[in-house]
Every structure is written in structure tokens, then in C-alpha cells.
Amino acid sequence: MSTPAFDFATLVNNTLSAIGNVLSQIVTALSDNAAVIGSIVGAIVVAGVAFSLMRRTPFIGRLVDWLGGIFRF
């Protein structure tokens, strides 16, 4: 016959095991997809740098200002 303290300890143990399993699966998924995540981050950085450099040119700067006037971004 189980006692309330034993049941609580089992509940805590099962909860911690479930949290550990979830964290382990997240780490596994991130490590398996590290190359893809790195490529996406790299592409965003390159696009941001290219956009900031292109915005300095007169034509692109005026075009972005004109589009900003239309779409308010």
C-alpha cells in the first residue's frame, strides 16, 4: 500500500524525468539542425548588411523612403 509521501515523490520524479526528456529532445533537434540554423542566421546577417549598404546609395535610399511613405514601415 502506498503512502501519500511516496505518491508525491513518484509524481516529482516522473515530472523531472519528463522535463529532462523534453530538454534532451530539444538539444538533439538543435544539434541535428545546427547547419540549417547557422545558414539561416548567416543569410539574415548578410541580407541586413547588404540592405544597409544599399540604402546609402541615392536611388535605393529614395526608393526605400518612397516605399516607407506608402507602407509606413
Protein backbone atom coordinates (compact mmCIF):
# COMPACT_ATOMS: atom_id res chain seq x y z
CA MET A 1 0.00 0.00 0.00
CA SER A 2 1.44 3.35 -1.00
CA THR A 3 1.59 6.37 1.23
CA PRO A 4 0.86 9.98 0.18
CA ALA A 5 4.56 10.85 0.58
CA PHE A 6 5.56 8.00 -1.73
CA ASP A 7 2.96 9.07 -4.29
CA PHE A 8 4.23 12.67 -4.16
CA ALA A 9 7.83 11.53 -4.58
CA THR A 10 6.82 9.42 -7.57
CA LEU A 11 4.98 12.40 -9.07
CA VAL A 12 8.00 14.67 -8.62
CA ASN A 13 10.33 12.04 -10.06
CA ASN A 14 8.12 11.47 -13.10
CA THR A 15 7.74 15.22 -13.66
CA LEU A 16 11.50 15.79 -13.53
CA SER A 17 12.07 12.85 -15.85
CA ALA A 18 9.56 14.26 -18.35
CA ILE A 19 11.20 17.70 -18.24
CA GLY A 20 14.60 16.07 -18.73
CA ASN A 21 13.33 14.12 -21.73
CA VAL A 22 11.86 17.25 -23.32
CA LEU A 23 15.09 19.21 -22.83
CA SER A 24 17.09 16.31 -24.23
CA GLN A 25 14.90 16.21 -27.34
CA ILE A 26 15.24 19.98 -27.82
CA VAL A 27 19.03 19.76 -27.58
CA THR A 28 19.08 16.84 -30.01
CA ALA A 29 16.88 18.69 -32.51
CA LEU A 30 19.03 21.82 -32.29
CA SER A 31 22.26 19.89 -32.73
CA ASP A 32 20.86 17.90 -35.65
CA ASN A 33 19.77 21.11 -37.40
CA ALA A 34 22.70 23.33 -36.44
CA ALA A 35 23.88 23.70 -40.03
CA VAL A 36 20.47 24.84 -41.23
CA ILE A 37 20.04 27.24 -38.31
CA GLY A 38 23.52 28.66 -38.95
CA SER A 39 22.76 29.12 -42.64
CA ILE A 40 19.54 30.99 -41.89
CA VAL A 41 21.22 33.27 -39.35
CA GLY A 42 24.10 33.90 -41.76
CA ALA A 43 21.72 34.74 -44.61
CA ILE A 44 19.80 37.18 -42.40
CA VAL A 45 23.04 38.91 -41.36
CA VAL A 46 24.28 39.15 -44.95
CA ALA A 47 20.92 40.48 -46.16
CA GLY A 48 20.87 43.06 -43.37
CA VAL A 49 24.37 44.29 -44.16
CA ALA A 50 23.61 44.39 -47.89
CA PHE A 51 20.39 46.33 -47.28
CA SER A 52 22.12 48.84 -45.01
CA LEU A 53 24.87 49.39 -47.59
CA MET A 54 22.40 49.65 -50.48
CA ARG A 55 20.29 52.15 -48.57
CA ARG A 56 23.25 54.54 -48.68
CA THR A 57 23.06 54.76 -52.47
CA PRO A 58 20.88 57.64 -53.66
CA PHE A 59 18.49 55.60 -55.81
CA ILE A 60 17.83 52.81 -53.27
CA GLY A 61 17.60 55.33 -50.43
CA ARG A 62 14.92 57.35 -52.24
CA LEU A 63 13.10 54.16 -53.24
CA VAL A 64 13.03 52.89 -49.63
CA ASP A 65 11.86 56.31 -48.38
CA TRP A 66 9.12 56.34 -51.04
CA LEU A 67 8.00 52.79 -50.13
CA GLY A 68 8.13 53.77 -46.46
CA GLY A 69 5.78 56.62 -47.22
CA ILE A 70 3.35 54.23 -48.85
CA PHE A 71 3.53 51.27 -46.43
CA ARG A 72 4.64 53.12 -43.26
CA PHE A 73 7.45 50.78 -42.22
